[in-house]
């Protein structure tokens, strides 16, 4: 176990099973969001969508996949953490 970790892998898994709500207990909006994320991950894994650079020109940070709307799961924005925070705070030039 790494010094920075509080629990070993088995204890962490057991703790997550006890505390994390199951999928069926999530509200409808959260379930839709989780399904949309899973579909986008599947498309990425199968090569149907490609990983892209950050949406901000000139940014060399690693980009992450973000969805703008759970009802259209393939409307994806590739943005680093910094620029995604700006987008979520109201800067809509990425959409």
C-alpha atoms as a PDB file:
ATOM      1  CA  UNK A   1       0.000   0.000   0.000  1.00  0.00           C
ATOM      2  CA  UNK A   2       1.352   3.415  -0.950  1.00  0.00           C
ATOM      3  CA  UNK A   3       1.934   5.832   1.940  1.00  0.00           C
ATOM      4  CA  UNK A   4      -0.515   8.323   0.419  1.00  0.00           C
ATOM      5  CA  UNK A   5      -3.349   5.777   0.336  1.00  0.00           C
ATOM      6  CA  UNK A   6      -5.539   5.327   3.369  1.00  0.00           C
ATOM      7  CA  UNK A   7      -6.993   1.950   2.431  1.00  0.00           C
ATOM      8  CA  UNK A   8      -5.671  -1.083   0.601  1.00  0.00           C
ATOM      9  CA  UNK A   9      -7.341  -2.008  -2.693  1.00  0.00           C
ATOM     10  CA  UNK A  10      -9.672  -4.588  -1.153  1.00  0.00           C
ATOM     11  CA  UNK A  11     -10.758  -2.309   1.685  1.00  0.00           C
ATOM     12  CA  UNK A  12     -11.287   0.576  -0.725  1.00  0.00           C
ATOM     13  CA  UNK A  13     -13.475  -1.610  -2.970  1.00  0.00           C
ATOM     14  CA  UNK A  14     -15.509  -2.794   0.009  1.00  0.00           C
ATOM     15  CA  UNK A  15     -15.937   0.789   1.210  1.00  0.00           C
ATOM     16  CA  UNK A  16     -17.095   1.941  -2.233  1.00  0.00           C
ATOM     17  CA  UNK A  17     -19.635  -0.891  -2.437  1.00  0.00           C
ATOM     18  CA  UNK A  18     -21.077   0.180   0.899  1.00  0.00           C
ATOM     19  CA  UNK A  19     -21.165   3.932   0.320  1.00  0.00           C
ATOM     20  CA  UNK A  20     -21.653   4.505  -3.435  1.00  0.00           C
ATOM     21  CA  UNK A  21     -25.305   4.485  -4.522  1.00  0.00           C
ATOM     22  CA  UNK A  22     -26.231   1.790  -7.018  1.00  0.00           C
ATOM     23  CA  UNK A  23     -27.238   2.767 -10.544  1.00  0.00           C
ATOM     24  CA  UNK A  24     -30.912   1.997  -9.966  1.00  0.00           C
ATOM     25  CA  UNK A  25     -30.963   4.314  -6.932  1.00  0.00           C
ATOM     26  CA  UNK A  26     -29.700   7.317  -8.917  1.00  0.00           C
ATOM     27  CA  UNK A  27     -32.136  10.007 -10.075  1.00  0.00           C
ATOM     28  CA  UNK A  28     -33.188   9.800 -13.723  1.00  0.00           C
ATOM     29  CA  UNK A  29     -30.979  12.745 -14.748  1.00  0.00           C
ATOM     30  CA  UNK A  30     -27.864  11.129 -13.240  1.00  0.00           C
ATOM     31  CA  UNK A  31     -28.674   7.771 -14.847  1.00  0.00           C
ATOM     32  CA  UNK A  32     -28.964   9.425 -18.253  1.00  0.00           C
ATOM     33  CA  UNK A  33     -25.622  11.158 -17.732  1.00  0.00           C
ATOM     34  CA  UNK A  34     -23.941   7.880 -16.734  1.00  0.00           C
ATOM     35  CA  UNK A  35     -25.384   6.092 -19.759  1.00  0.00           C
ATOM     36  CA  UNK A  36     -24.195   8.878 -22.046  1.00  0.00           C
ATOM     37  CA  UNK A  37     -20.674   8.702 -20.593  1.00  0.00           C
ATOM     38  CA  UNK A  38     -20.587   4.956 -21.073  1.00  0.00           C
ATOM     39  CA  UNK A  39     -21.740   5.238 -24.687  1.00  0.00           C
ATOM     40  CA  UNK A  40     -19.087   7.872 -25.439  1.00  0.00           C
ATOM     41  CA  UNK A  41     -16.392   5.690 -23.814  1.00  0.00           C
ATOM     42  CA  UNK A  42     -17.538   2.749 -25.946  1.00  0.00           C
ATOM     43  CA  UNK A  43     -17.363   4.797 -29.161  1.00  0.00           C
ATOM     44  CA  UNK A  44     -13.883   6.013 -28.195  1.00  0.00           C
ATOM     45  CA  UNK A  45     -12.681   2.484 -27.435  1.00  0.00           C
ATOM     46  CA  UNK A  46     -14.041   1.143 -30.751  1.00  0.00           C
ATOM     47  CA  UNK A  47     -12.418   3.980 -32.699  1.00  0.00           C
ATOM     48  CA  UNK A  48     -15.685   5.531 -33.848  1.00  0.00           C
ATOM     49  CA  UNK A  49     -14.643   8.859 -32.346  1.00  0.00           C
ATOM     50  CA  UNK A  50     -11.066  10.064 -32.060  1.00  0.00           C
ATOM     51  CA  UNK A  51      -9.302  11.734 -29.195  1.00  0.00           C
ATOM     52  CA  UNK A  52      -8.606  15.374 -29.983  1.00  0.00           C
ATOM     53  CA  UNK A  53      -6.537  18.260 -28.644  1.00  0.00           C
ATOM     54  CA  UNK A  54      -7.811  20.822 -26.155  1.00  0.00           C
ATOM     55  CA  UNK A  55     -10.479  23.121 -27.604  1.00  0.00           C
ATOM     56  CA  UNK A  56      -8.418  26.173 -26.655  1.00  0.00           C
ATOM     57  CA  UNK A  57      -5.966  27.032 -29.455  1.00  0.00           C
ATOM     58  CA  UNK A  58      -2.345  26.813 -28.386  1.00  0.00           C
ATOM     59  CA  UNK A  59      -3.030  24.739 -25.270  1.00  0.00           C
ATOM     60  CA  UNK A  60      -0.621  21.831 -24.828  1.00  0.00           C
ATOM     61  CA  UNK A  61      -2.284  20.281 -21.777  1.00  0.00           C
ATOM     62  CA  UNK A  62      -3.724  16.756 -22.152  1.00  0.00           C
ATOM     63  CA  UNK A  63      -7.360  16.944 -23.203  1.00  0.00           C
ATOM     64  CA  UNK A  64     -10.196  15.032 -21.585  1.00  0.00           C
ATOM     65  CA  UNK A  65     -13.539  14.057 -23.086  1.00  0.00           C
ATOM     66  CA  UNK A  66     -16.461  16.155 -21.854  1.00  0.00           C
ATOM     67  CA  UNK A  67     -20.108  16.071 -22.866  1.00  0.00           C
ATOM     68  CA  UNK A  68     -22.176  19.187 -23.254  1.00  0.00           C
ATOM     69  CA  UNK A  69     -25.559  17.456 -23.086  1.00  0.00           C
ATOM     70  CA  UNK A  70     -26.412  13.971 -21.766  1.00  0.00           C
ATOM     71  CA  UNK A  71     -29.305  13.700 -24.213  1.00  0.00           C
ATOM     72  CA  UNK A  72     -26.867  13.857 -27.140  1.00  0.00           C
ATOM     73  CA  UNK A  73     -23.992  11.704 -25.857  1.00  0.00           C
ATOM     74  CA  UNK A  74     -21.784  12.153 -28.897  1.00  0.00           C
ATOM     75  CA  UNK A  75     -21.635  15.950 -28.639  1.00  0.00           C
ATOM     76  CA  UNK A  76     -18.160  15.907 -27.177  1.00  0.00           C
ATOM     77  CA  UNK A  77     -15.714  18.681 -26.338  1.00  0.00           C
ATOM     78  CA  UNK A  78     -12.056  17.853 -25.815  1.00  0.00           C
ATOM     79  CA  UNK A  79     -10.686  20.210 -23.186  1.00  0.00           C
ATOM     80  CA  UNK A  80      -8.042  20.239 -20.483  1.00  0.00           C
ATOM     81  CA  UNK A  81      -9.156  20.683 -16.876  1.00  0.00           C
ATOM     82  CA  UNK A  82      -8.486  24.430 -16.843  1.00  0.00           C
ATOM     83  CA  UNK A  83     -10.401  25.227 -19.999  1.00  0.00           C
ATOM     84  CA  UNK A  84     -13.245  22.877 -19.086  1.00  0.00           C
ATOM     85  CA  UNK A  85     -13.701  24.761 -15.811  1.00  0.00           C
ATOM     86  CA  UNK A  86     -13.902  28.021 -17.768  1.00  0.00           C
ATOM     87  CA  UNK A  87     -16.444  26.483 -20.100  1.00  0.00           C
ATOM     88  CA  UNK A  88     -18.569  25.247 -17.212  1.00  0.00           C
ATOM     89  CA  UNK A  89     -18.394  28.667 -15.555  1.00  0.00           C
ATOM     90  CA  UNK A  90     -20.100  30.269 -18.515  1.00  0.00           C
ATOM     91  CA  UNK A  91     -17.574  30.865 -21.300  1.00  0.00           C
ATOM     92  CA  UNK A  92     -19.659  29.410 -24.148  1.00  0.00           C
ATOM     93  CA  UNK A  93     -17.252  29.971 -27.040  1.00  0.00           C
ATOM     94  CA  UNK A  94     -16.450  26.226 -27.087  1.00  0.00           C
ATOM     95  CA  UNK A  95     -19.988  25.071 -27.862  1.00  0.00           C
END
